[in-house]
């Protein structure tokens, strides 16, 4: 009987510790998220690079074929 009592008590303590961990987590701090401005900055830089590559390729094609 004493072994059963110890195991039940141990299970109770583990469950209590686990539930404390869940309730103490809370929300993730907002500082770990990337800022919206940083996302927009990278996107505009990448868009500019792609546009420059397309324009450069088109101008080289015009020069090569004499259009």
C-alpha atoms as a PDB file:
ATOM      1  CA  UNK A   1       0.000   0.000   0.000  1.00  0.00           C
ATOM      2  CA  UNK A   2       2.775   2.417   0.793  1.00  0.00           C
ATOM      3  CA  UNK A   3       4.266   1.925  -2.697  1.00  0.00           C
ATOM      4  CA  UNK A   4       0.938   2.843  -4.316  1.00  0.00           C
ATOM      5  CA  UNK A   5       0.707   5.953  -2.185  1.00  0.00           C
ATOM      6  CA  UNK A   6       4.209   7.041  -3.185  1.00  0.00           C
ATOM      7  CA  UNK A   7       3.578   6.515  -6.856  1.00  0.00           C
ATOM      8  CA  UNK A   8       0.303   8.445  -6.729  1.00  0.00           C
ATOM      9  CA  UNK A   9       2.017  11.267  -4.872  1.00  0.00           C
ATOM     10  CA  UNK A  10       4.858  11.275  -7.389  1.00  0.00           C
ATOM     11  CA  UNK A  11       2.396  11.432 -10.305  1.00  0.00           C
ATOM     12  CA  UNK A  12       0.568  14.289  -8.573  1.00  0.00           C
ATOM     13  CA  UNK A  13       3.838  16.217  -8.111  1.00  0.00           C
ATOM     14  CA  UNK A  14       4.884  15.692 -11.744  1.00  0.00           C
ATOM     15  CA  UNK A  15       1.471  16.826 -13.002  1.00  0.00           C
ATOM     16  CA  UNK A  16       1.581  19.892 -10.776  1.00  0.00           C
ATOM     17  CA  UNK A  17       5.070  20.812 -11.986  1.00  0.00           C
ATOM     18  CA  UNK A  18       4.020  20.315 -15.602  1.00  0.00           C
ATOM     19  CA  UNK A  19       0.934  22.501 -15.215  1.00  0.00           C
ATOM     20  CA  UNK A  20       3.045  25.252 -13.619  1.00  0.00           C
ATOM     21  CA  UNK A  21       5.408  25.173 -16.593  1.00  0.00           C
ATOM     22  CA  UNK A  22       2.501  25.561 -18.989  1.00  0.00           C
ATOM     23  CA  UNK A  23       0.886  28.454 -17.126  1.00  0.00           C
ATOM     24  CA  UNK A  24       4.178  30.285 -16.550  1.00  0.00           C
ATOM     25  CA  UNK A  25       5.239  30.274 -20.202  1.00  0.00           C
ATOM     26  CA  UNK A  26       3.069  33.179 -21.256  1.00  0.00           C
ATOM     27  CA  UNK A  27       3.417  34.888 -24.594  1.00  0.00           C
ATOM     28  CA  UNK A  28       6.609  35.140 -26.585  1.00  0.00           C
ATOM     29  CA  UNK A  29       8.201  38.555 -26.249  1.00  0.00           C
ATOM     30  CA  UNK A  30       7.445  40.831 -29.170  1.00  0.00           C
ATOM     31  CA  UNK A  31      11.120  41.744 -29.498  1.00  0.00           C
ATOM     32  CA  UNK A  32      11.953  38.313 -30.962  1.00  0.00           C
ATOM     33  CA  UNK A  33       9.659  38.852 -33.934  1.00  0.00           C
ATOM     34  CA  UNK A  34      11.134  40.493 -37.029  1.00  0.00           C
ATOM     35  CA  UNK A  35       9.866  44.010 -37.469  1.00  0.00           C
ATOM     36  CA  UNK A  36       7.482  44.758 -40.310  1.00  0.00           C
ATOM     37  CA  UNK A  37       9.855  47.498 -41.526  1.00  0.00           C
ATOM     38  CA  UNK A  38      12.720  45.008 -41.844  1.00  0.00           C
ATOM     39  CA  UNK A  39      10.544  42.685 -43.917  1.00  0.00           C
ATOM     40  CA  UNK A  40       9.534  45.538 -46.212  1.00  0.00           C
ATOM     41  CA  UNK A  41      13.140  46.710 -46.559  1.00  0.00           C
ATOM     42  CA  UNK A  42      14.372  43.282 -47.638  1.00  0.00           C
ATOM     43  CA  UNK A  43      11.464  42.835 -50.026  1.00  0.00           C
ATOM     44  CA  UNK A  44      12.039  46.202 -51.713  1.00  0.00           C
ATOM     45  CA  UNK A  45      15.775  45.535 -52.026  1.00  0.00           C
ATOM     46  CA  UNK A  46      15.139  42.128 -53.597  1.00  0.00           C
ATOM     47  CA  UNK A  47      12.513  43.560 -55.928  1.00  0.00           C
ATOM     48  CA  UNK A  48      14.936  46.276 -57.042  1.00  0.00           C
ATOM     49  CA  UNK A  49      17.643  43.706 -57.716  1.00  0.00           C
ATOM     50  CA  UNK A  50      15.302  41.558 -59.810  1.00  0.00           C
ATOM     51  CA  UNK A  51      14.099  44.572 -61.778  1.00  0.00           C
ATOM     52  CA  UNK A  52      17.692  45.650 -62.447  1.00  0.00           C
ATOM     53  CA  UNK A  53      18.600  42.125 -63.660  1.00  0.00           C
ATOM     54  CA  UNK A  54      15.646  42.024 -66.065  1.00  0.00           C
ATOM     55  CA  UNK A  55      16.399  45.498 -67.415  1.00  0.00           C
ATOM     56  CA  UNK A  56      20.094  44.680 -67.814  1.00  0.00           C
ATOM     57  CA  UNK A  57      19.286  41.442 -69.632  1.00  0.00           C
ATOM     58  CA  UNK A  58      16.843  43.241 -71.949  1.00  0.00           C
ATOM     59  CA  UNK A  59      19.342  45.974 -72.788  1.00  0.00           C
ATOM     60  CA  UNK A  60      22.030  43.384 -73.546  1.00  0.00           C
ATOM     61  CA  UNK A  61      19.618  41.539 -75.848  1.00  0.00           C
ATOM     62  CA  UNK A  62      18.845  44.776 -77.712  1.00  0.00           C
ATOM     63  CA  UNK A  63      22.566  45.504 -78.133  1.00  0.00           C
ATOM     64  CA  UNK A  64      23.373  41.948 -79.235  1.00  0.00           C
ATOM     65  CA  UNK A  65      20.663  41.766 -81.893  1.00  0.00           C
ATOM     66  CA  UNK A  66      20.906  45.431 -82.919  1.00  0.00           C
ATOM     67  CA  UNK A  67      17.315  46.402 -82.232  1.00  0.00           C
END
